[in-house]
Amino acid sequence: MARFGIIPSRGILATLQSAGMGGYGTALVDGGTRAASAAVLASDWLYWVSHGAESSRAKDSAGCKTSHEAEVEADSPLKLKAKL
C-alpha cells in the first residue's frame, strides 16, 4: 500500500477494498457491473436490429437451410445406412 501513497477515504481503491470485504463498495461495484452489462446488451440488441434482421430475411428468401434443418437432413435413415 505504500506505493499508492495516501488513499482517499472514498476513492476508487478504497471502494474496491470495501467491496472485497462486503462493505459499502459492494453496492457500487454491483451497480456498475449491472450498468456495464446492460450497456453491452443494449448495443448488441441495437446491432442485431440494424443488421441481423435484414440478413436473416435475406437467407430465408434465398432458400438457405437453417442449422436445425441441416441436422434433420443429416440424420435421415438413408444417410445413416450409408454410414454403416
Protein backbone atom coordinates (compact mmCIF):
# COMPACT_ATOMS: atom_id res chain seq x y z
CA MET A 1 0.00 0.00 0.00
CA ALA A 2 2.95 2.31 0.44
CA ARG A 3 3.46 2.65 -3.29
CA PHE A 4 -0.07 4.07 -3.73
CA GLY A 5 0.63 6.91 -1.35
CA ILE A 6 -2.25 8.41 0.59
CA ILE A 7 -5.52 6.67 -0.21
CA PRO A 8 -8.58 8.94 -0.10
CA SER A 9 -11.41 7.60 2.04
CA ARG A 10 -13.97 7.41 -0.81
CA GLY A 11 -11.52 6.82 -3.64
CA ILE A 12 -11.55 4.01 -6.17
CA LEU A 13 -9.09 1.81 -4.29
CA ALA A 14 -10.94 2.25 -1.01
CA THR A 15 -14.25 1.45 -2.68
CA LEU A 16 -12.86 -1.70 -4.30
CA GLN A 17 -11.32 -2.78 -0.98
CA SER A 18 -14.66 -2.18 0.70
CA ALA A 19 -16.44 -4.23 -1.96
CA GLY A 20 -13.97 -7.07 -1.43
CA MET A 21 -14.78 -7.07 2.27
CA GLY A 22 -18.54 -6.79 1.76
CA GLY A 23 -18.87 -3.15 2.79
CA TYR A 24 -20.39 -0.07 1.16
CA GLY A 25 -18.41 -0.66 -2.04
CA THR A 26 -20.36 -3.83 -2.78
CA ALA A 27 -23.44 -1.92 -3.90
CA LEU A 28 -21.37 0.46 -6.03
CA VAL A 29 -19.42 -2.30 -7.77
CA ASP A 30 -22.58 -4.38 -8.27
CA GLY A 31 -24.42 -1.40 -9.74
CA GLY A 32 -21.51 -0.58 -12.04
CA THR A 33 -21.31 -4.17 -13.22
CA ARG A 34 -25.03 -4.28 -13.95
CA ALA A 35 -24.90 -0.96 -15.79
CA ALA A 36 -21.96 -2.12 -17.93
CA SER A 37 -23.67 -5.40 -18.80
CA ALA A 38 -26.89 -3.56 -19.67
CA ALA A 39 -24.92 -1.26 -21.97
CA VAL A 40 -23.30 -4.23 -23.73
CA LEU A 41 -26.65 -5.98 -24.14
CA ALA A 42 -28.26 -2.80 -25.46
CA SER A 43 -25.51 -2.29 -28.01
CA ASP A 44 -25.77 -5.93 -29.10
CA TRP A 45 -29.54 -5.58 -29.47
CA LEU A 46 -29.14 -2.39 -31.50
CA TYR A 47 -26.64 -4.11 -33.77
CA TRP A 48 -28.98 -7.08 -34.21
CA VAL A 49 -31.92 -4.82 -35.00
CA SER A 50 -29.97 -2.82 -37.56
CA HIS A 51 -28.03 -5.68 -39.19
CA GLY A 52 -29.28 -9.09 -38.06
CA ALA A 53 -32.93 -8.88 -39.04
CA GLU A 54 -32.11 -7.93 -42.64
CA SER A 55 -29.54 -10.68 -43.15
CA SER A 56 -31.79 -13.39 -41.69
CA ARG A 57 -34.63 -12.35 -44.02
CA ALA A 58 -32.28 -12.50 -46.99
CA LYS A 59 -31.14 -16.01 -46.05
CA ASP A 60 -34.71 -17.23 -45.68
CA SER A 61 -35.74 -15.84 -49.05
CA ALA A 62 -32.67 -17.35 -50.74
CA GLY A 63 -33.70 -20.84 -49.63
CA CYS A 64 -30.81 -21.43 -47.27
CA LYS A 65 -31.32 -24.19 -44.75
CA THR A 66 -31.19 -23.41 -41.07
CA SER A 67 -28.89 -25.37 -38.79
CA HIS A 68 -31.87 -27.36 -37.48
CA GLU A 69 -32.92 -28.38 -41.00
CA ALA A 70 -29.35 -29.44 -41.76
CA GLU A 71 -29.25 -31.62 -38.62
CA VAL A 72 -32.55 -33.28 -39.52
CA GLU A 73 -31.34 -33.98 -43.05
CA ALA A 74 -28.08 -35.45 -41.77
CA ASP A 75 -29.99 -37.85 -39.53
CA SER A 76 -32.15 -39.24 -42.32
CA PRO A 77 -32.27 -43.07 -42.47
CA LEU A 78 -30.59 -43.26 -45.89
CA LYS A 79 -27.59 -41.28 -44.74
CA LEU A 80 -27.34 -43.33 -41.55
CA LYS A 81 -27.50 -46.54 -43.59
CA ALA A 82 -24.80 -45.22 -45.90
CA LYS A 83 -22.53 -44.61 -42.91
CA LEU A 84 -22.82 -48.27 -41.84
